[in-house]
Amino acid sequence: MPGQNFGLEFSPKRGFIQCEDFAPTKTVEEIITDILGNHPHANQSQVVDMARAHGCTKRQAEECLKKGPWDRAAGPKNSILYSLRPEELE
């Protein structure tokens, strides 16, 4: 199993201490929410590409878009455009 970062690092003679640059891992849904908050009306390919840059797999991003609580609108060339729902913007 690969190692995981729990916000601690080992320091000789001091033991485990808290990392200064620790950023908790986000879920796929949190990553997609951030992407749609910054890029409303993005199509699936755009969202998947941005999610992959944040460590998600293509399949994880596509499944999240399919099942997530997003607004969907028809776009050009039979595409679907995704946005956050108004209550998520607050």
PDB file of N, CA and C in Angstrom:
ATOM      1  N   MET A   1       0.850  -1.172   0.000  1.00  0.00           N
ATOM      2  CA  MET A   1       0.000   0.000   0.000  1.00  0.00           C
ATOM      3  C   MET A   1       0.897   1.237   0.000  1.00  0.00           C
ATOM      4  N   PRO A   2       0.581   2.239  -0.838  1.00  0.00           N
ATOM      5  CA  PRO A   2       1.410   3.439  -0.856  1.00  0.00           C
ATOM      6  C   PRO A   2       1.270   4.236   0.439  1.00  0.00           C
ATOM      7  N   GLY A   3       2.306   4.998   0.761  1.00  0.00           N
ATOM      8  CA  GLY A   3       2.269   5.829   1.964  1.00  0.00           C
ATOM      9  C   GLY A   3       1.226   6.922   1.853  1.00  0.00           C
ATOM     10  N   GLN A   4       0.794   7.410   2.972  1.00  0.00           N
ATOM     11  CA  GLN A   4      -0.188   8.481   3.007  1.00  0.00           C
ATOM     12  C   GLN A   4       0.333   9.606   3.889  1.00  0.00           C
ATOM     13  N   ASN A   5      -0.063  10.806   3.585  1.00  0.00           N
ATOM     14  CA  ASN A   5       0.358  11.962   4.354  1.00  0.00           C
ATOM     15  C   ASN A   5      -0.743  12.311   5.353  1.00  0.00           C
ATOM     16  N   PHE A   6      -0.413  12.244   6.630  1.00  0.00           N
ATOM     17  CA  PHE A   6      -1.379  12.548   7.681  1.00  0.00           C
ATOM     18  C   PHE A   6      -1.094  13.889   8.342  1.00  0.00           C
ATOM     19  N   GLY A   7      -0.260  14.716   7.708  1.00  0.00           N
ATOM     20  CA  GLY A   7       0.047  16.013   8.279  1.00  0.00           C
ATOM     21  C   GLY A   7       1.155  15.979   9.297  1.00  0.00           C
ATOM     22  N   LEU A   8       1.877  14.854   9.355  1.00  0.00           N
ATOM     23  CA  LEU A   8       2.991  14.719  10.286  1.00  0.00           C
ATOM     24  C   LEU A   8       4.236  14.309   9.512  1.00  0.00           C
ATOM     25  N   GLU A   9       5.386  14.753   9.991  1.00  0.00           N
ATOM     26  CA  GLU A   9       6.642  14.296   9.420  1.00  0.00           C
ATOM     27  C   GLU A   9       7.583  13.945  10.558  1.00  0.00           C
ATOM     28  N   PHE A  10       8.491  13.018  10.279  1.00  0.00           N
ATOM     29  CA  PHE A  10       9.411  12.568  11.309  1.00  0.00           C
ATOM     30  C   PHE A  10      10.635  13.462  11.342  1.00  0.00           C
ATOM     31  N   SER A  11      10.999  13.881  12.531  1.00  0.00           N
ATOM     32  CA  SER A  11      12.198  14.687  12.745  1.00  0.00           C
ATOM     33  C   SER A  11      13.069  13.954  13.766  1.00  0.00           C
ATOM     34  N   PRO A  12      14.342  13.663  13.405  1.00  0.00           N
ATOM     35  CA  PRO A  12      15.210  12.966  14.360  1.00  0.00           C
ATOM     36  C   PRO A  12      15.295  13.724  15.691  1.00  0.00           C
ATOM     37  N   LYS A  13      15.282  12.987  16.767  1.00  0.00           N
ATOM     38  CA  LYS A  13      15.356  13.491  18.142  1.00  0.00           C
ATOM     39  C   LYS A  13      14.143  14.312  18.565  1.00  0.00           C
ATOM     40  N   ARG A  14      13.194  14.520  17.671  1.00  0.00           N
ATOM     41  CA  ARG A  14      11.972  15.257  18.024  1.00  0.00           C
ATOM     42  C   ARG A  14      10.731  14.398  17.843  1.00  0.00           C
ATOM     43  N   GLY A  15      10.840  13.357  17.047  1.00  0.00           N
ATOM     44  CA  GLY A  15       9.696  12.495  16.779  1.00  0.00           C
ATOM     45  C   GLY A  15       8.850  13.057  15.647  1.00  0.00           C
ATOM     46  N   PHE A  16       7.578  12.771  15.674  1.00  0.00           N
ATOM     47  CA  PHE A  16       6.676  13.250  14.636  1.00  0.00           C
ATOM     48  C   PHE A  16       6.184  14.649  14.992  1.00  0.00           C
ATOM     49  N   ILE A  17       6.297  15.549  14.023  1.00  0.00           N
ATOM     50  CA  ILE A  17       5.831  16.921  14.221  1.00  0.00           C
ATOM     51  C   ILE A  17       4.875  17.278  13.084  1.00  0.00           C
ATOM     52  N   GLN A  18       4.053  18.270  13.313  1.00  0.00           N
ATOM     53  CA  GLN A  18       3.064  18.681  12.320  1.00  0.00           C
ATOM     54  C   GLN A  18       3.743  19.356  11.140  1.00  0.00           C
ATOM     55  N   CYS A  19       3.305  19.004   9.928  1.00  0.00           N
ATOM     56  CA  CYS A  19       3.827  19.622   8.705  1.00  0.00           C
ATOM     57  C   CYS A  19       3.266  21.025   8.574  1.00  0.00           C
ATOM     58  N   GLU A  20       4.102  21.935   8.119  1.00  0.00           N
ATOM     59  CA  GLU A  20       3.639  23.309   7.930  1.00  0.00           C
ATOM     60  C   GLU A  20       2.803  23.452   6.674  1.00  0.00           C
ATOM     61  N   ASP A  21       3.130  22.700   5.626  1.00  0.00           N
ATOM     62  CA  ASP A  21       2.450  22.840   4.343  1.00  0.00           C
ATOM     63  C   ASP A  21       1.426  21.741   4.102  1.00  0.00           C
ATOM     64  N   PHE A  22       0.837  21.223   5.169  1.00  0.00           N
ATOM     65  CA  PHE A  22      -0.108  20.130   5.022  1.00  0.00           C
ATOM     66  C   PHE A  22      -1.426  20.632   4.454  1.00  0.00           C
ATOM     67  N   ALA A  23      -1.864  19.990   3.376  1.00  0.00           N
ATOM     68  CA  ALA A  23      -3.172  20.280   2.787  1.00  0.00           C
ATOM     69  C   ALA A  23      -3.950  18.970   2.763  1.00  0.00           C
ATOM     70  N   PRO A  24      -5.086  18.896   3.453  1.00  0.00           N
ATOM     71  CA  PRO A  24      -5.840  17.653   3.469  1.00  0.00           C
ATOM     72  C   PRO A  24      -6.269  17.244   2.062  1.00  0.00           C
ATOM     73  N   THR A  25      -6.361  15.943   1.861  1.00  0.00           N
ATOM     74  CA  THR A  25      -6.763  15.408   0.567  1.00  0.00           C
ATOM     75  C   THR A  25      -8.241  15.702   0.340  1.00  0.00           C
ATOM     76  N   LYS A  26      -8.565  16.123  -0.892  1.00  0.00           N
ATOM     77  CA  LYS A  26      -9.954  16.402  -1.245  1.00  0.00           C
ATOM     78  C   LYS A  26     -10.563  15.187  -1.922  1.00  0.00           C
ATOM     79  N   THR A  27     -11.876  15.050  -1.774  1.00  0.00           N
ATOM     80  CA  THR A  27     -12.600  13.999  -2.478  1.00  0.00           C
ATOM     81  C   THR A  27     -12.778  14.422  -3.934  1.00  0.00           C
ATOM     82  N   VAL A  28     -13.159  13.476  -4.770  1.00  0.00           N
ATOM     83  CA  VAL A  28     -13.404  13.784  -6.181  1.00  0.00           C
ATOM     84  C   VAL A  28     -14.520  14.814  -6.290  1.00  0.00           C
ATOM     85  N   GLU A  29     -15.566  14.665  -5.485  1.00  0.00           N
ATOM     86  CA  GLU A  29     -16.680  15.622  -5.542  1.00  0.00           C
ATOM     87  C   GLU A  29     -16.228  17.024  -5.137  1.00  0.00           C
ATOM     88  N   GLU A  30     -15.357  17.135  -4.145  1.00  0.00           N
ATOM     89  CA  GLU A  30     -14.841  18.448  -3.749  1.00  0.00           C
ATOM     90  C   GLU A  30     -13.993  19.061  -4.860  1.00  0.00           C
ATOM     91  N   ILE A  31     -13.210  18.228  -5.539  1.00  0.00           N
ATOM     92  CA  ILE A  31     -12.393  18.723  -6.646  1.00  0.00           C
ATOM     93  C   ILE A  31     -13.281  19.215  -7.780  1.00  0.00           C
ATOM     94  N   ILE A  32     -14.310  18.441  -8.146  1.00  0.00           N
ATOM     95  CA  ILE A  32     -15.227  18.841  -9.214  1.00  0.00           C
ATOM     96  C   ILE A  32     -15.989  20.106  -8.812  1.00  0.00           C
ATOM     97  N   THR A  33     -16.388  20.208  -7.556  1.00  0.00           N
ATOM     98  CA  THR A  33     -17.084  21.405  -7.077  1.00  0.00           C
ATOM     99  C   THR A  33     -16.194  22.641  -7.232  1.00  0.00           C
ATOM    100  N   ASP A  34     -14.927  22.517  -6.857  1.00  0.00           N
ATOM    101  CA  ASP A  34     -13.989  23.635  -7.029  1.00  0.00           C
ATOM    102  C   ASP A  34     -13.841  24.010  -8.501  1.00  0.00           C
ATOM    103  N   ILE A  35     -13.725  23.000  -9.359  1.00  0.00           N
ATOM    104  CA  ILE A  35     -13.566  23.254 -10.796  1.00  0.00           C
ATOM    105  C   ILE A  35     -14.783  23.979 -11.347  1.00  0.00           C
ATOM    106  N   LEU A  36     -15.983  23.492 -11.024  1.00  0.00           N
ATOM    107  CA  LEU A  36     -17.198  24.118 -11.546  1.00  0.00           C
ATOM    108  C   LEU A  36     -17.427  25.500 -10.943  1.00  0.00           C
ATOM    109  N   GLY A  37     -16.952  25.723  -9.728  1.00  0.00           N
ATOM    110  CA  GLY A  37     -17.052  27.056  -9.142  1.00  0.00           C
ATOM    111  C   GLY A  37     -16.189  28.064  -9.885  1.00  0.00           C
ATOM    112  N   ASN A  38     -15.047  27.600 -10.392  1.00  0.00           N
ATOM    113  CA  ASN A  38     -14.132  28.475 -11.130  1.00  0.00           C
ATOM    114  C   ASN A  38     -14.389  28.494 -12.631  1.00  0.00           C
ATOM    115  N   HIS A  39     -15.057  27.451 -13.139  1.00  0.00           N
ATOM    116  CA  HIS A  39     -15.302  27.327 -14.583  1.00  0.00           C
ATOM    117  C   HIS A  39     -16.734  26.872 -14.837  1.00  0.00           C
ATOM    118  N   PRO A  40     -17.723  27.735 -14.561  1.00  0.00           N
ATOM    119  CA  PRO A  40     -19.115  27.338 -14.808  1.00  0.00           C
ATOM    120  C   PRO A  40     -19.350  27.097 -16.299  1.00  0.00           C
ATOM    121  N   HIS A  41     -20.277  26.249 -16.607  1.00  0.00           N
ATOM    122  CA  HIS A  41     -20.663  25.898 -17.981  1.00  0.00           C
ATOM    123  C   HIS A  41     -19.521  25.211 -18.725  1.00  0.00           C
ATOM    124  N   ALA A  42     -18.729  24.425 -18.012  1.00  0.00           N
ATOM    125  CA  ALA A  42     -17.663  23.637 -18.640  1.00  0.00           C
ATOM    126  C   ALA A  42     -18.259  22.318 -19.126  1.00  0.00           C
ATOM    127  N   ASN A  43     -17.741  21.825 -20.246  1.00  0.00           N
ATOM    128  CA  ASN A  43     -18.225  20.534 -20.740  1.00  0.00           C
ATOM    129  C   ASN A  43     -17.453  19.402 -20.072  1.00  0.00           C
ATOM    130  N   GLN A  44     -17.891  18.170 -20.330  1.00  0.00           N
ATOM    131  CA  GLN A  44     -17.309  17.020 -19.649  1.00  0.00           C
ATOM    132  C   GLN A  44     -15.807  16.906 -19.911  1.00  0.00           C
ATOM    133  N   SER A  45     -15.383  17.063 -21.137  1.00  0.00           N
ATOM    134  CA  SER A  45     -13.959  16.942 -21.456  1.00  0.00           C
ATOM    135  C   SER A  45     -13.119  17.959 -20.697  1.00  0.00           C
ATOM    136  N   GLN A  46     -13.603  19.179 -20.609  1.00  0.00           N
ATOM    137  CA  GLN A  46     -12.874  20.224 -19.887  1.00  0.00           C
ATOM    138  C   GLN A  46     -12.766  19.879 -18.399  1.00  0.00           C
ATOM    139  N   VAL A  47     -13.878  19.453 -17.809  1.00  0.00           N
ATOM    140  CA  VAL A  47     -13.883  19.120 -16.385  1.00  0.00           C
ATOM    141  C   VAL A  47     -12.970  17.926 -16.111  1.00  0.00           C
ATOM    142  N   VAL A  48     -13.048  16.903 -16.954  1.00  0.00           N
ATOM    143  CA  VAL A  48     -12.210  15.715 -16.766  1.00  0.00           C
ATOM    144  C   VAL A  48     -10.733  16.087 -16.861  1.00  0.00           C
ATOM    145  N   ASP A  49     -10.362  16.898 -17.836  1.00  0.00           N
ATOM    146  CA  ASP A  49      -8.963  17.319 -17.974  1.00  0.00           C
ATOM    147  C   ASP A  49      -8.476  18.069 -16.735  1.00  0.00           C
ATOM    148  N   MET A  50      -9.300  18.973 -16.216  1.00  0.00           N
ATOM    149  CA  MET A  50      -8.910  19.733 -15.024  1.00  0.00           C
ATOM    150  C   MET A  50      -8.852  18.826 -13.798  1.00  0.00           C
ATOM    151  N   ALA A  51      -9.788  17.886 -13.690  1.00  0.00           N
ATOM    152  CA  ALA A  51      -9.802  16.955 -12.551  1.00  0.00           C
ATOM    153  C   ALA A  51      -8.571  16.048 -12.590  1.00  0.00           C
ATOM    154  N   ARG A  52      -8.172  15.615 -13.770  1.00  0.00           N
ATOM    155  CA  ARG A  52      -6.978  14.775 -13.888  1.00  0.00           C
ATOM    156  C   ARG A  52      -5.739  15.542 -13.448  1.00  0.00           C
ATOM    157  N   ALA A  53      -5.694  16.834 -13.700  1.00  0.00           N
ATOM    158  CA  ALA A  53      -4.563  17.655 -13.258  1.00  0.00           C
ATOM    159  C   ALA A  53      -4.505  17.745 -11.733  1.00  0.00           C
ATOM    160  N   HIS A  54      -5.630  17.463 -11.065  1.00  0.00           N
ATOM    161  CA  HIS A  54      -5.690  17.477  -9.600  1.00  0.00           C
ATOM    162  C   HIS A  54      -5.594  16.069  -9.002  1.00  0.00           C
ATOM    163  N   GLY A  55      -5.255  15.065  -9.829  1.00  0.00           N
ATOM    164  CA  GLY A  55      -5.026  13.720  -9.311  1.00  0.00           C
ATOM    165  C   GLY A  55      -6.168  12.732  -9.463  1.00  0.00           C
ATOM    166  N   CYS A  56      -7.273  13.141 -10.066  1.00  0.00           N
ATOM    167  CA  CYS A  56      -8.390  12.214 -10.281  1.00  0.00           C
ATOM    168  C   CYS A  56      -8.137  11.402 -11.550  1.00  0.00           C
ATOM    169  N   THR A  57      -8.725  10.233 -11.606  1.00  0.00           N
ATOM    170  CA  THR A  57      -8.686   9.478 -12.848  1.00  0.00           C
ATOM    171  C   THR A  57      -9.843   9.934 -13.731  1.00  0.00           C
ATOM    172  N   LYS A  58      -9.740   9.619 -15.013  1.00  0.00           N
ATOM    173  CA  LYS A  58     -10.804   9.967 -15.946  1.00  0.00           C
ATOM    174  C   LYS A  58     -12.121   9.328 -15.503  1.00  0.00           C
ATOM    175  N   ARG A  59     -12.051   8.063 -15.110  1.00  0.00           N
ATOM    176  CA  ARG A  59     -13.262   7.346 -14.692  1.00  0.00           C
ATOM    177  C   ARG A  59     -13.887   7.970 -13.449  1.00  0.00           C
ATOM    178  N   GLN A  60     -13.062   8.345 -12.462  1.00  0.00           N
ATOM    179  CA  GLN A  60     -13.596   8.972 -11.247  1.00  0.00           C
ATOM    180  C   GLN A  60     -14.324  10.273 -11.588  1.00  0.00           C
ATOM    181  N   ALA A  61     -13.722  11.080 -12.446  1.00  0.00           N
ATOM    182  CA  ALA A  61     -14.334  12.361 -12.813  1.00  0.00           C
ATOM    183  C   ALA A  61     -15.636  12.148 -13.575  1.00  0.00           C
ATOM    184  N   GLU A  62     -15.632  11.218 -14.517  1.00  0.00           N
ATOM    185  CA  GLU A  62     -16.853  10.951 -15.295  1.00  0.00           C
ATOM    186  C   GLU A  62     -17.977  10.421 -14.414  1.00  0.00           C
ATOM    187  N   GLU A  63     -17.660   9.522 -13.488  1.00  0.00           N
ATOM    188  CA  GLU A  63     -18.678   8.987 -12.571  1.00  0.00           C
ATOM    189  C   GLU A  63     -19.235  10.093 -11.676  1.00  0.00           C
ATOM    190  N   CYS A  64     -18.362  10.959 -11.211  1.00  0.00           N
ATOM    191  CA  CYS A  64     -18.803  12.048 -10.345  1.00  0.00           C
ATOM    192  C   CYS A  64     -19.717  13.003 -11.109  1.00  0.00           C
ATOM    193  N   LEU A  65     -19.370  13.303 -12.351  1.00  0.00           N
ATOM    194  CA  LEU A  65     -20.228  14.172 -13.157  1.00  0.00           C
ATOM    195  C   LEU A  65     -21.589  13.525 -13.403  1.00  0.00           C
ATOM    196  N   LYS A  66     -21.574  12.218 -13.611  1.00  0.00           N
ATOM    197  CA  LYS A  66     -22.819  11.501 -13.893  1.00  0.00           C
ATOM    198  C   LYS A  66     -23.744  11.485 -12.682  1.00  0.00           C
ATOM    199  N   LYS A  67     -23.176  11.294 -11.484  1.00  0.00           N
ATOM    200  CA  LYS A  67     -23.989  11.106 -10.283  1.00  0.00           C
ATOM    201  C   LYS A  67     -24.101  12.338  -9.403  1.00  0.00           C
ATOM    202  N   GLY A  68     -23.286  13.345  -9.655  1.00  0.00           N
ATOM    203  CA  GLY A  68     -23.217  14.500  -8.774  1.00  0.00           C
ATOM    204  C   GLY A  68     -24.396  15.447  -8.874  1.00  0.00           C
ATOM    205  N   PRO A  69     -24.469  16.366  -7.929  1.00  0.00           N
ATOM    206  CA  PRO A  69     -25.595  17.312  -7.861  1.00  0.00           C
ATOM    207  C   PRO A  69     -25.364  18.565  -8.712  1.00  0.00           C
ATOM    208  N   TRP A  70     -25.056  18.395  -9.981  1.00  0.00           N
ATOM    209  CA  TRP A  70     -24.717  19.539 -10.827  1.00  0.00           C
ATOM    210  C   TRP A  70     -25.899  19.940 -11.695  1.00  0.00           C
ATOM    211  N   ASP A  71     -25.928  21.205 -12.096  1.00  0.00           N
ATOM    212  CA  ASP A  71     -26.871  21.650 -13.116  1.00  0.00           C
ATOM    213  C   ASP A  71     -26.296  21.224 -14.456  1.00  0.00           C
ATOM    214  N   ARG A  72     -27.161  20.726 -15.314  1.00  0.00           N
ATOM    215  CA  ARG A  72     -26.745  20.300 -16.646  1.00  0.00           C
ATOM    216  C   ARG A  72     -27.546  21.082 -17.672  1.00  0.00           C
ATOM    217  N   ALA A  73     -26.869  21.546 -18.720  1.00  0.00           N
ATOM    218  CA  ALA A  73     -27.540  22.285 -19.785  1.00  0.00           C
ATOM    219  C   ALA A  73     -27.001  21.794 -21.121  1.00  0.00           C
ATOM    220  N   ALA A  74     -27.849  21.853 -22.143  1.00  0.00           N
ATOM    221  CA  ALA A  74     -27.423  21.450 -23.482  1.00  0.00           C
ATOM    222  C   ALA A  74     -26.418  22.460 -24.008  1.00  0.00           C
ATOM    223  N   GLY A  75     -25.376  21.945 -24.620  1.00  0.00           N
ATOM    224  CA  GLY A  75     -24.338  22.790 -25.187  1.00  0.00           C
ATOM    225  C   GLY A  75     -24.196  22.554 -26.669  1.00  0.00           C
ATOM    226  N   PRO A  76     -23.211  23.183 -27.277  1.00  0.00           N
ATOM    227  CA  PRO A  76     -23.010  23.009 -28.715  1.00  0.00           C
ATOM    228  C   PRO A  76     -22.557  21.578 -29.043  1.00  0.00           C
ATOM    229  N   LYS A  77     -22.898  21.139 -30.253  1.00  0.00           N
ATOM    230  CA  LYS A  77     -22.504  19.823 -30.757  1.00  0.00           C
ATOM    231  C   LYS A  77     -22.911  18.693 -29.822  1.00  0.00           C
ATOM    232  N   ASN A  78     -24.114  18.785 -29.286  1.00  0.00           N
ATOM    233  CA  ASN A  78     -24.695  17.732 -28.434  1.00  0.00           C
ATOM    234  C   ASN A  78     -23.917  17.512 -27.131  1.00  0.00           C
ATOM    235  N   SER A  79     -23.208  18.525 -26.658  1.00  0.00           N
ATOM    236  CA  SER A  79     -22.466  18.400 -25.405  1.00  0.00           C
ATOM    237  C   SER A  79     -23.360  18.777 -24.227  1.00  0.00           C
ATOM    238  N   ILE A  80     -22.889  18.424 -23.038  1.00  0.00           N
ATOM    239  CA  ILE A  80     -23.573  18.799 -21.798  1.00  0.00           C
ATOM    240  C   ILE A  80     -22.649  19.746 -21.052  1.00  0.00           C
ATOM    241  N   LEU A  81     -23.199  20.870 -20.617  1.00  0.00           N
ATOM    242  CA  LEU A  81     -22.432  21.857 -19.862  1.00  0.00           C
ATOM    243  C   LEU A  81     -22.807  21.730 -18.389  1.00  0.00           C
ATOM    244  N   TYR A  82     -21.815  21.688 -17.530  1.00  0.00           N
ATOM    245  CA  TYR A  82     -22.016  21.487 -16.098  1.00  0.00           C
ATOM    246  C   TYR A  82     -21.750  22.766 -15.330  1.00  0.00           C
ATOM    247  N   SER A  83     -22.563  23.014 -14.315  1.00  0.00           N
ATOM    248  CA  SER A  83     -22.408  24.169 -13.420  1.00  0.00           C
ATOM    249  C   SER A  83     -22.850  23.768 -12.031  1.00  0.00           C
ATOM    250  N   LEU A  84     -22.454  24.563 -11.046  1.00  0.00           N
ATOM    251  CA  LEU A  84     -22.947  24.352  -9.697  1.00  0.00           C
ATOM    252  C   LEU A  84     -24.390  24.809  -9.607  1.00  0.00           C
ATOM    253  N   ARG A  85     -25.154  24.163  -8.764  1.00  0.00           N
ATOM    254  CA  ARG A  85     -26.529  24.615  -8.530  1.00  0.00           C
ATOM    255  C   ARG A  85     -26.479  25.907  -7.734  1.00  0.00           C
ATOM    256  N   PRO A  86     -27.479  26.771  -7.893  1.00  0.00           N
ATOM    257  CA  PRO A  86     -27.450  28.064  -7.192  1.00  0.00           C
ATOM    258  C   PRO A  86     -27.237  27.955  -5.682  1.00  0.00           C
ATOM    259  N   GLU A  87     -27.815  26.948  -5.035  1.00  0.00           N
ATOM    260  CA  GLU A  87     -27.653  26.827  -3.576  1.00  0.00           C
ATOM    261  C   GLU A  87     -26.206  26.461  -3.202  1.00  0.00           C
ATOM    262  N   GLU A  88     -25.446  25.872  -4.114  1.00  0.00           N
ATOM    263  CA  GLU A  88     -24.056  25.525  -3.843  1.00  0.00           C
ATOM    264  C   GLU A  88     -23.131  26.740  -3.996  1.00  0.00           C
ATOM    265  N   LEU A  89     -23.610  27.771  -4.658  1.00  0.00           N
ATOM    266  CA  LEU A  89     -22.793  28.965  -4.877  1.00  0.00           C
ATOM    267  C   LEU A  89     -22.733  29.849  -3.636  1.00  0.00           C
ATOM    268  N   GLU A  90     -23.658  29.671  -2.728  1.00  0.00           N
ATOM    269  CA  GLU A  90     -23.720  30.532  -1.535  1.00  0.00           C
ATOM    270  C   GLU A  90     -22.715  30.147  -0.507  1.00  0.00           C
TER     271      GLU A  90
END
